[in-house]
Amino acid sequence: MTTTSHGIAALCLATCCMCTANAYEDAGAVAERIQSAGRGAHLGHELCGYTSAQVARYKERLRRSLSGPAGFDTEWDYGWKRAEPMLLQYQSLRTGDPQDYEARVRRVCATLRGLAKRLPKPASQAVPPSQ
């Protein structure tokens, strides 16, 4: 495995990792979280086959979990665009080492699925407590 291959995985996982929302996060941390989510959503759309509808639902769940901060769409769009160089690296890897590409995509998609599951469900879909 080449240094570039290691760099792709590290970069992807670093940009896709998100912590749960914290009431004490500053505006910069919230902006970075939104950008990271936008990058991850773009990767999920291109690499994992997430549909536009799935991405839109994820985006709305994130917006609600952060209480709809000002500038959300701008930060999301910026993050989405920042995934483009990573996607170019993945295209190169797919051509140069298809097996490594497949393994990395499986790991990235599993990570993204886990991150999406951590977001709170919208109130309308919440399961009522058992009595």
Protein backbone atom coordinates (compact mmCIF):
# COMPACT_ATOMS: atom_id res chain seq x y z
CA MET A 1 0.00 0.00 0.00
CA THR A 2 1.34 3.40 -0.91
CA THR A 3 1.59 6.52 1.21
CA THR A 4 -1.10 8.09 -0.98
CA SER A 5 -3.46 5.22 -0.19
CA HIS A 6 -2.89 5.69 3.53
CA GLY A 7 -3.48 9.41 3.11
CA ILE A 8 -6.81 8.87 1.37
CA ALA A 9 -8.16 6.70 4.17
CA ALA A 10 -6.88 8.97 6.92
CA LEU A 11 -8.24 12.08 5.23
CA CYS A 12 -11.62 10.53 4.60
CA LEU A 13 -12.05 9.18 8.11
CA ALA A 14 -10.81 12.41 9.66
CA THR A 15 -13.26 14.52 7.70
CA CYS A 16 -16.18 12.20 8.30
CA CYS A 17 -15.81 11.85 12.06
CA MET A 18 -18.35 13.88 13.96
CA CYS A 19 -18.95 14.16 17.67
CA THR A 20 -22.42 14.37 19.13
CA ALA A 21 -23.81 17.87 19.50
CA ASN A 22 -22.83 19.68 22.65
CA ALA A 23 -24.68 22.64 24.07
CA TYR A 24 -21.33 24.35 24.70
CA GLU A 25 -19.95 24.09 21.16
CA ASP A 26 -18.82 27.40 19.74
CA ALA A 27 -19.88 28.66 16.32
CA GLY A 28 -16.62 27.49 14.73
CA ALA A 29 -17.08 23.95 16.00
CA VAL A 30 -20.66 23.88 14.73
CA ALA A 31 -19.53 25.18 11.32
CA GLU A 32 -16.85 22.48 11.12
CA ARG A 33 -19.37 19.82 12.08
CA ILE A 34 -21.73 20.96 9.32
CA GLN A 35 -18.86 21.07 6.79
CA SER A 36 -17.75 17.57 7.82
CA ALA A 37 -21.29 16.31 7.40
CA GLY A 38 -21.49 17.89 3.94
CA ARG A 39 -18.22 16.22 2.93
CA GLY A 40 -19.42 12.90 4.29
CA ALA A 41 -22.76 13.20 2.51
CA HIS A 42 -21.02 13.88 -0.79
CA LEU A 43 -18.79 10.86 -0.29
CA GLY A 44 -21.80 8.76 0.65
CA HIS A 45 -23.68 9.92 -2.42
CA GLU A 46 -20.80 9.19 -4.79
CA LEU A 47 -19.17 6.15 -3.18
CA CYS A 48 -21.93 4.43 -1.22
CA GLY A 49 -24.89 5.04 -3.48
CA TYR A 50 -26.90 7.23 -1.12
CA THR A 51 -29.78 8.77 -3.03
CA SER A 52 -30.45 12.48 -3.18
CA ALA A 53 -33.52 11.89 -0.99
CA GLN A 54 -31.42 10.09 1.65
CA VAL A 55 -28.89 12.92 1.65
CA ALA A 56 -31.69 15.49 1.99
CA ARG A 57 -33.18 13.61 4.97
CA TYR A 58 -29.77 13.37 6.63
CA LYS A 59 -29.14 17.07 6.06
CA GLU A 60 -32.49 18.00 7.60
CA ARG A 61 -31.92 15.71 10.61
CA LEU A 62 -28.54 17.34 11.17
CA ARG A 63 -30.04 20.83 10.84
CA ARG A 64 -32.67 19.98 13.47
CA SER A 65 -30.15 18.36 15.81
CA LEU A 66 -28.14 21.60 15.75
CA SER A 67 -31.25 23.78 16.19
CA GLY A 68 -31.02 25.25 12.68
CA PRO A 69 -27.94 27.47 13.00
CA ALA A 70 -27.58 30.53 10.77
CA GLY A 71 -25.40 29.82 7.75
CA PHE A 72 -26.17 26.09 7.78
CA ASP A 73 -26.63 25.81 4.01
CA THR A 74 -23.48 27.82 3.28
CA GLU A 75 -21.38 25.59 5.56
CA TRP A 76 -22.98 22.42 4.14
CA ASP A 77 -22.29 23.53 0.55
CA TYR A 78 -18.68 24.38 1.41
CA GLY A 79 -18.19 20.94 2.95
CA TRP A 80 -19.84 19.27 -0.04
CA LYS A 81 -17.39 21.01 -2.40
CA ARG A 82 -14.42 20.08 -0.23
CA ALA A 83 -15.14 16.39 -0.89
CA GLU A 84 -14.31 16.78 -4.58
CA PRO A 85 -10.51 16.37 -4.25
CA MET A 86 -11.06 13.27 -2.13
CA LEU A 87 -13.38 11.82 -4.76
CA LEU A 88 -10.70 12.41 -7.41
CA GLN A 89 -8.25 10.46 -5.24
CA TYR A 90 -10.76 7.63 -4.99
CA GLN A 91 -11.18 7.59 -8.78
CA SER A 92 -7.41 7.30 -9.13
CA LEU A 93 -7.29 4.52 -6.54
CA ARG A 94 -10.10 2.62 -8.31
CA THR A 95 -8.02 2.63 -11.49
CA GLY A 96 -4.70 1.84 -9.82
CA ASP A 97 -5.76 -0.71 -7.18
CA PRO A 98 -9.38 -1.85 -7.51
CA GLN A 99 -9.20 -4.26 -4.57
CA ASP A 100 -7.86 -1.59 -2.22
CA TYR A 101 -10.48 0.82 -3.54
CA GLU A 102 -13.30 -1.64 -2.75
CA ALA A 103 -11.97 -2.30 0.75
CA ARG A 104 -11.67 1.41 1.51
CA VAL A 105 -15.12 2.20 0.15
CA ARG A 106 -16.63 -0.55 2.31
CA ARG A 107 -14.97 0.94 5.41
CA VAL A 108 -15.96 4.50 4.55
CA CYS A 109 -19.58 3.50 3.87
CA ALA A 110 -19.77 1.57 7.16
CA THR A 111 -18.40 4.62 9.00
CA LEU A 112 -20.90 6.95 7.32
CA ARG A 113 -23.81 4.63 8.15
CA GLY A 114 -22.74 4.62 11.79
CA LEU A 115 -22.46 8.40 11.91
CA ALA A 116 -25.88 8.87 10.35
CA LYS A 117 -27.45 6.54 12.92
CA ARG A 118 -26.12 8.68 15.77
CA LEU A 119 -28.17 11.71 14.78
CA PRO A 120 -31.41 12.07 16.71
CA LYS A 121 -34.52 11.02 14.81
CA PRO A 122 -37.04 13.75 14.03
CA ALA A 123 -39.76 13.94 16.68
CA SER A 124 -42.42 12.66 14.27
CA GLN A 125 -40.49 9.39 13.83
CA ALA A 126 -39.55 8.90 17.46
CA VAL A 127 -40.71 5.66 19.01
CA PRO A 128 -43.14 6.28 21.87
CA PRO A 129 -42.02 4.92 25.23
CA SER A 130 -43.56 1.59 26.22
CA GLN A 131 -46.10 1.63 29.01
